[in-house]
N, C-alpha and C. Protein backbone atom coordinates (compact mmCIF):
# COMPACT_ATOMS: atom_id res chain seq x y z
N MET A 1 4.30 4.62 6.34
CA MET A 1 2.89 4.57 6.01
C MET A 1 2.36 3.19 6.36
N LEU A 2 1.18 3.16 6.93
CA LEU A 2 0.53 1.91 7.30
C LEU A 2 -0.52 1.55 6.26
N SER A 3 -0.68 0.24 6.04
CA SER A 3 -1.71 -0.27 5.14
C SER A 3 -2.38 -1.46 5.80
N VAL A 4 -3.61 -1.73 5.40
CA VAL A 4 -4.36 -2.88 5.91
C VAL A 4 -4.53 -3.87 4.76
N VAL A 5 -4.23 -5.15 5.06
CA VAL A 5 -4.33 -6.22 4.07
C VAL A 5 -5.21 -7.31 4.63
N LYS A 6 -6.16 -7.78 3.83
CA LYS A 6 -7.05 -8.87 4.25
C LYS A 6 -6.38 -10.20 3.99
N VAL A 7 -6.43 -11.08 4.99
CA VAL A 7 -5.89 -12.44 4.86
C VAL A 7 -6.88 -13.26 4.04
N GLN A 8 -6.36 -13.91 3.01
CA GLN A 8 -7.19 -14.78 2.17
C GLN A 8 -6.51 -16.14 2.10
N GLY A 9 -7.22 -17.17 2.50
CA GLY A 9 -6.67 -18.51 2.47
C GLY A 9 -6.21 -18.97 3.84
N VAL A 10 -5.65 -20.18 3.86
CA VAL A 10 -5.28 -20.82 5.13
C VAL A 10 -3.78 -21.04 5.30
N SER A 11 -2.97 -20.46 4.43
CA SER A 11 -1.54 -20.76 4.48
C SER A 11 -0.87 -20.35 5.77
N MET A 12 -1.44 -19.40 6.50
CA MET A 12 -0.83 -18.94 7.74
C MET A 12 -1.63 -19.38 8.97
N ALA A 13 -2.64 -20.23 8.79
CA ALA A 13 -3.43 -20.74 9.91
C ALA A 13 -2.58 -21.70 10.74
N PRO A 14 -2.71 -21.70 12.02
CA PRO A 14 -3.77 -21.04 12.81
C PRO A 14 -3.44 -19.61 13.24
N ARG A 15 -2.21 -19.14 13.01
CA ARG A 15 -1.85 -17.77 13.45
C ARG A 15 -2.75 -16.72 12.79
N LEU A 16 -2.88 -16.79 11.48
CA LEU A 16 -3.75 -15.88 10.74
C LEU A 16 -4.79 -16.70 10.01
N LYS A 17 -6.04 -16.30 10.14
CA LYS A 17 -7.12 -17.06 9.52
C LYS A 17 -7.73 -16.27 8.37
N ASP A 18 -8.34 -16.99 7.45
CA ASP A 18 -9.03 -16.39 6.33
C ASP A 18 -10.03 -15.36 6.87
N GLY A 19 -9.97 -14.14 6.38
CA GLY A 19 -10.88 -13.09 6.83
C GLY A 19 -10.28 -12.15 7.86
N ASP A 20 -9.16 -12.55 8.48
CA ASP A 20 -8.45 -11.63 9.38
C ASP A 20 -7.86 -10.49 8.55
N TYR A 21 -7.41 -9.46 9.23
CA TYR A 21 -6.71 -8.37 8.58
C TYR A 21 -5.36 -8.19 9.27
N VAL A 22 -4.37 -7.79 8.50
CA VAL A 22 -3.08 -7.43 9.09
C VAL A 22 -2.77 -5.99 8.73
N VAL A 23 -2.14 -5.32 9.66
CA VAL A 23 -1.67 -3.95 9.41
C VAL A 23 -0.18 -4.08 9.13
N ILE A 24 0.23 -3.50 7.99
CA ILE A 24 1.64 -3.57 7.62
C ILE A 24 2.24 -2.17 7.61
N ASN A 25 3.52 -2.15 7.93
CA ASN A 25 4.29 -0.91 7.87
C ASN A 25 5.10 -0.97 6.59
N ARG A 26 4.85 -0.05 5.68
CA ARG A 26 5.57 -0.02 4.40
C ARG A 26 6.97 0.57 4.56
N PHE A 27 7.20 1.30 5.64
CA PHE A 27 8.50 1.93 5.88
C PHE A 27 9.17 1.28 7.08
N TYR A 28 9.40 -0.01 6.96
CA TYR A 28 10.07 -0.76 8.02
C TYR A 28 11.57 -0.46 7.97
N SER A 29 12.23 -0.63 9.11
CA SER A 29 13.67 -0.35 9.13
C SER A 29 14.50 -1.60 8.88
N ARG A 30 13.99 -2.75 9.30
CA ARG A 30 14.77 -3.96 9.15
C ARG A 30 13.85 -5.17 9.21
N ILE A 31 14.15 -6.16 8.37
CA ILE A 31 13.43 -7.43 8.40
C ILE A 31 14.36 -8.46 9.02
N LYS A 32 13.81 -9.25 9.94
CA LYS A 32 14.59 -10.29 10.61
C LYS A 32 13.89 -11.64 10.43
N VAL A 33 14.64 -12.71 10.64
CA VAL A 33 14.07 -14.04 10.64
C VAL A 33 12.97 -14.08 11.69
N GLY A 34 11.82 -14.65 11.32
CA GLY A 34 10.68 -14.73 12.22
C GLY A 34 9.62 -13.68 11.97
N HIS A 35 9.99 -12.58 11.31
CA HIS A 35 9.00 -11.54 11.00
C HIS A 35 8.00 -12.04 9.97
N LEU A 36 6.78 -11.51 10.05
CA LEU A 36 5.78 -11.75 9.01
C LEU A 36 5.85 -10.58 8.04
N VAL A 37 5.80 -10.91 6.75
CA VAL A 37 5.88 -9.89 5.72
C VAL A 37 4.81 -10.14 4.66
N VAL A 38 4.45 -9.09 3.97
CA VAL A 38 3.60 -9.19 2.78
C VAL A 38 4.50 -8.93 1.59
N VAL A 39 4.48 -9.87 0.64
CA VAL A 39 5.31 -9.72 -0.56
C VAL A 39 4.43 -9.78 -1.80
N ASN A 40 4.94 -9.20 -2.86
CA ASN A 40 4.30 -9.30 -4.16
C ASN A 40 5.14 -10.29 -4.97
N HIS A 41 4.76 -11.57 -4.91
CA HIS A 41 5.51 -12.63 -5.58
C HIS A 41 5.22 -12.60 -7.08
N ALA A 42 6.22 -12.85 -7.89
CA ALA A 42 6.07 -12.80 -9.35
C ALA A 42 5.03 -13.79 -9.87
N THR A 43 4.89 -14.94 -9.23
CA THR A 43 3.93 -15.96 -9.67
C THR A 43 2.66 -15.96 -8.84
N TYR A 44 2.80 -15.88 -7.51
CA TYR A 44 1.67 -16.06 -6.60
C TYR A 44 1.01 -14.76 -6.16
N GLN A 45 1.51 -13.63 -6.61
CA GLN A 45 0.97 -12.31 -6.29
C GLN A 45 1.17 -11.96 -4.81
N HIS A 46 0.18 -11.34 -4.17
CA HIS A 46 0.33 -10.91 -2.77
C HIS A 46 0.22 -12.11 -1.83
N MET A 47 1.21 -12.21 -0.96
CA MET A 47 1.27 -13.32 -0.01
C MET A 47 1.73 -12.80 1.34
N ILE A 48 1.20 -13.40 2.40
CA ILE A 48 1.68 -13.13 3.76
C ILE A 48 2.45 -14.36 4.19
N LYS A 49 3.71 -14.19 4.54
CA LYS A 49 4.57 -15.32 4.90
C LYS A 49 5.51 -14.93 6.02
N ARG A 50 6.11 -15.96 6.63
CA ARG A 50 7.10 -15.77 7.68
C ARG A 50 8.50 -15.87 7.06
N VAL A 51 9.39 -15.00 7.51
CA VAL A 51 10.77 -15.03 7.04
C VAL A 51 11.48 -16.18 7.76
N GLN A 52 11.99 -17.12 6.97
CA GLN A 52 12.68 -18.27 7.53
C GLN A 52 14.21 -18.09 7.47
N LYS A 53 14.68 -17.48 6.37
CA LYS A 53 16.12 -17.23 6.19
C LYS A 53 16.30 -15.93 5.42
N ILE A 54 17.46 -15.32 5.62
CA ILE A 54 17.86 -14.15 4.84
C ILE A 54 19.28 -14.43 4.35
N ASN A 55 19.49 -14.37 3.03
CA ASN A 55 20.84 -14.66 2.54
C ASN A 55 21.69 -13.40 2.50
N SER A 56 22.94 -13.55 2.11
CA SER A 56 23.90 -12.45 2.19
C SER A 56 23.56 -11.27 1.28
N ASN A 57 22.77 -11.50 0.22
CA ASN A 57 22.39 -10.37 -0.63
C ASN A 57 21.03 -9.78 -0.25
N GLY A 58 20.46 -10.24 0.87
CA GLY A 58 19.22 -9.68 1.38
C GLY A 58 17.95 -10.34 0.90
N SER A 59 18.06 -11.35 0.04
CA SER A 59 16.86 -12.07 -0.40
C SER A 59 16.30 -12.91 0.73
N LEU A 60 14.99 -13.14 0.67
CA LEU A 60 14.28 -13.82 1.76
C LEU A 60 13.81 -15.21 1.34
N TRP A 61 13.91 -16.16 2.26
CA TRP A 61 13.34 -17.50 2.11
C TRP A 61 12.13 -17.51 3.02
N LEU A 62 10.94 -17.64 2.43
CA LEU A 62 9.69 -17.48 3.18
C LEU A 62 8.97 -18.81 3.33
N THR A 63 8.15 -18.88 4.37
CA THR A 63 7.38 -20.09 4.62
C THR A 63 6.01 -19.72 5.18
N GLY A 64 5.05 -20.61 4.95
CA GLY A 64 3.74 -20.48 5.57
C GLY A 64 3.73 -21.24 6.88
N GLU A 65 2.61 -21.22 7.56
CA GLU A 65 2.51 -21.92 8.84
C GLU A 65 1.53 -23.09 8.78
N ASN A 66 1.12 -23.44 7.58
CA ASN A 66 0.12 -24.48 7.40
C ASN A 66 0.63 -25.43 6.33
N GLU A 67 0.34 -26.70 6.46
CA GLU A 67 0.82 -27.68 5.48
C GLU A 67 0.22 -27.45 4.09
N ASN A 68 -0.87 -26.69 3.99
CA ASN A 68 -1.48 -26.38 2.70
C ASN A 68 -0.88 -25.13 2.04
N SER A 69 0.13 -24.56 2.66
CA SER A 69 0.78 -23.37 2.12
C SER A 69 1.66 -23.74 0.93
N VAL A 70 1.89 -22.76 0.07
CA VAL A 70 2.86 -22.93 -1.01
C VAL A 70 4.21 -23.21 -0.38
N ARG A 71 4.89 -24.24 -0.85
CA ARG A 71 6.18 -24.63 -0.29
C ARG A 71 7.25 -23.57 -0.60
N PRO A 72 8.19 -23.38 0.32
CA PRO A 72 9.26 -22.41 0.08
C PRO A 72 10.04 -22.71 -1.21
N GLU A 73 10.20 -23.98 -1.52
CA GLU A 73 10.94 -24.35 -2.73
C GLU A 73 10.21 -23.87 -3.99
N ALA A 74 8.89 -23.84 -3.94
CA ALA A 74 8.11 -23.36 -5.09
C ALA A 74 8.21 -21.83 -5.22
N MET A 75 8.32 -21.14 -4.09
CA MET A 75 8.43 -19.67 -4.12
C MET A 75 9.82 -19.22 -4.48
N GLY A 76 10.83 -19.96 -4.02
CA GLY A 76 12.22 -19.57 -4.24
C GLY A 76 12.62 -18.39 -3.36
N TRP A 77 13.82 -17.90 -3.58
CA TRP A 77 14.30 -16.73 -2.85
C TRP A 77 13.58 -15.49 -3.36
N ILE A 78 13.10 -14.68 -2.44
CA ILE A 78 12.34 -13.48 -2.78
C ILE A 78 13.25 -12.25 -2.61
N PRO A 79 13.43 -11.48 -3.66
CA PRO A 79 14.24 -10.25 -3.53
C PRO A 79 13.58 -9.27 -2.55
N ALA A 80 14.40 -8.59 -1.78
CA ALA A 80 13.89 -7.64 -0.79
C ALA A 80 13.01 -6.57 -1.44
N ALA A 81 13.24 -6.25 -2.69
CA ALA A 81 12.44 -5.23 -3.39
C ALA A 81 10.98 -5.66 -3.54
N ARG A 82 10.69 -6.94 -3.38
CA ARG A 82 9.32 -7.46 -3.50
C ARG A 82 8.52 -7.34 -2.20
N ILE A 83 9.17 -6.92 -1.12
CA ILE A 83 8.47 -6.78 0.16
C ILE A 83 7.59 -5.54 0.10
N LEU A 84 6.30 -5.73 0.38
CA LEU A 84 5.37 -4.61 0.43
C LEU A 84 5.30 -4.00 1.82
N GLY A 85 5.61 -4.80 2.84
CA GLY A 85 5.59 -4.29 4.20
C GLY A 85 5.75 -5.38 5.22
N LYS A 86 6.06 -4.96 6.44
CA LYS A 86 6.21 -5.87 7.58
C LYS A 86 4.93 -5.82 8.40
N VAL A 87 4.42 -6.99 8.77
CA VAL A 87 3.20 -7.06 9.58
C VAL A 87 3.52 -6.56 10.98
N ILE A 88 2.71 -5.60 11.45
CA ILE A 88 2.94 -5.09 12.80
C ILE A 88 1.86 -5.52 13.78
N PHE A 89 0.65 -5.82 13.28
CA PHE A 89 -0.36 -6.46 14.13
C PHE A 89 -1.50 -7.00 13.30
N CYS A 90 -2.31 -7.83 13.96
CA CYS A 90 -3.41 -8.52 13.30
C CYS A 90 -4.74 -8.10 13.92
N ILE A 91 -5.75 -7.98 13.07
CA ILE A 91 -7.12 -7.71 13.52
C ILE A 91 -7.92 -8.96 13.19
N ARG A 92 -8.38 -9.65 14.20
CA ARG A 92 -9.11 -10.91 14.02
C ARG A 92 -10.49 -10.66 13.41
N ALA A 93 -10.86 -11.56 12.51
CA ALA A 93 -12.21 -11.51 11.93
C ALA A 93 -13.22 -11.82 13.02
N LYS A 94 -14.39 -11.28 12.89
CA LYS A 94 -15.45 -11.53 13.85
C LYS A 94 -15.82 -13.02 13.81
N PRO A 95 -15.85 -13.69 14.96
CA PRO A 95 -16.23 -15.11 14.97
C PRO A 95 -17.67 -15.29 14.51
N GLU A 96 -17.88 -16.42 13.82
CA GLU A 96 -19.24 -16.69 13.32
C GLU A 96 -20.14 -17.20 14.40
């Protein structure tokens, strides 16, 4: 199943900008380092981040692409069960 998620904030800029949309696949087959994912973080709620590492139990170490992003150390390892979907493409917001 596909879902559309609106990008809010600048943590993934310049790749994803505030107001863009991403289409996610909720039934992904595999997550790899480098993939963009949407997670439901226990503290920060819904976040779009890049997978930086995957440990042996399948938990993810995520990062943003902007210096204003929440630091990976603050997020900690994210259990795979918290993944809402893998980003499959982006729809750019209309330029002003």
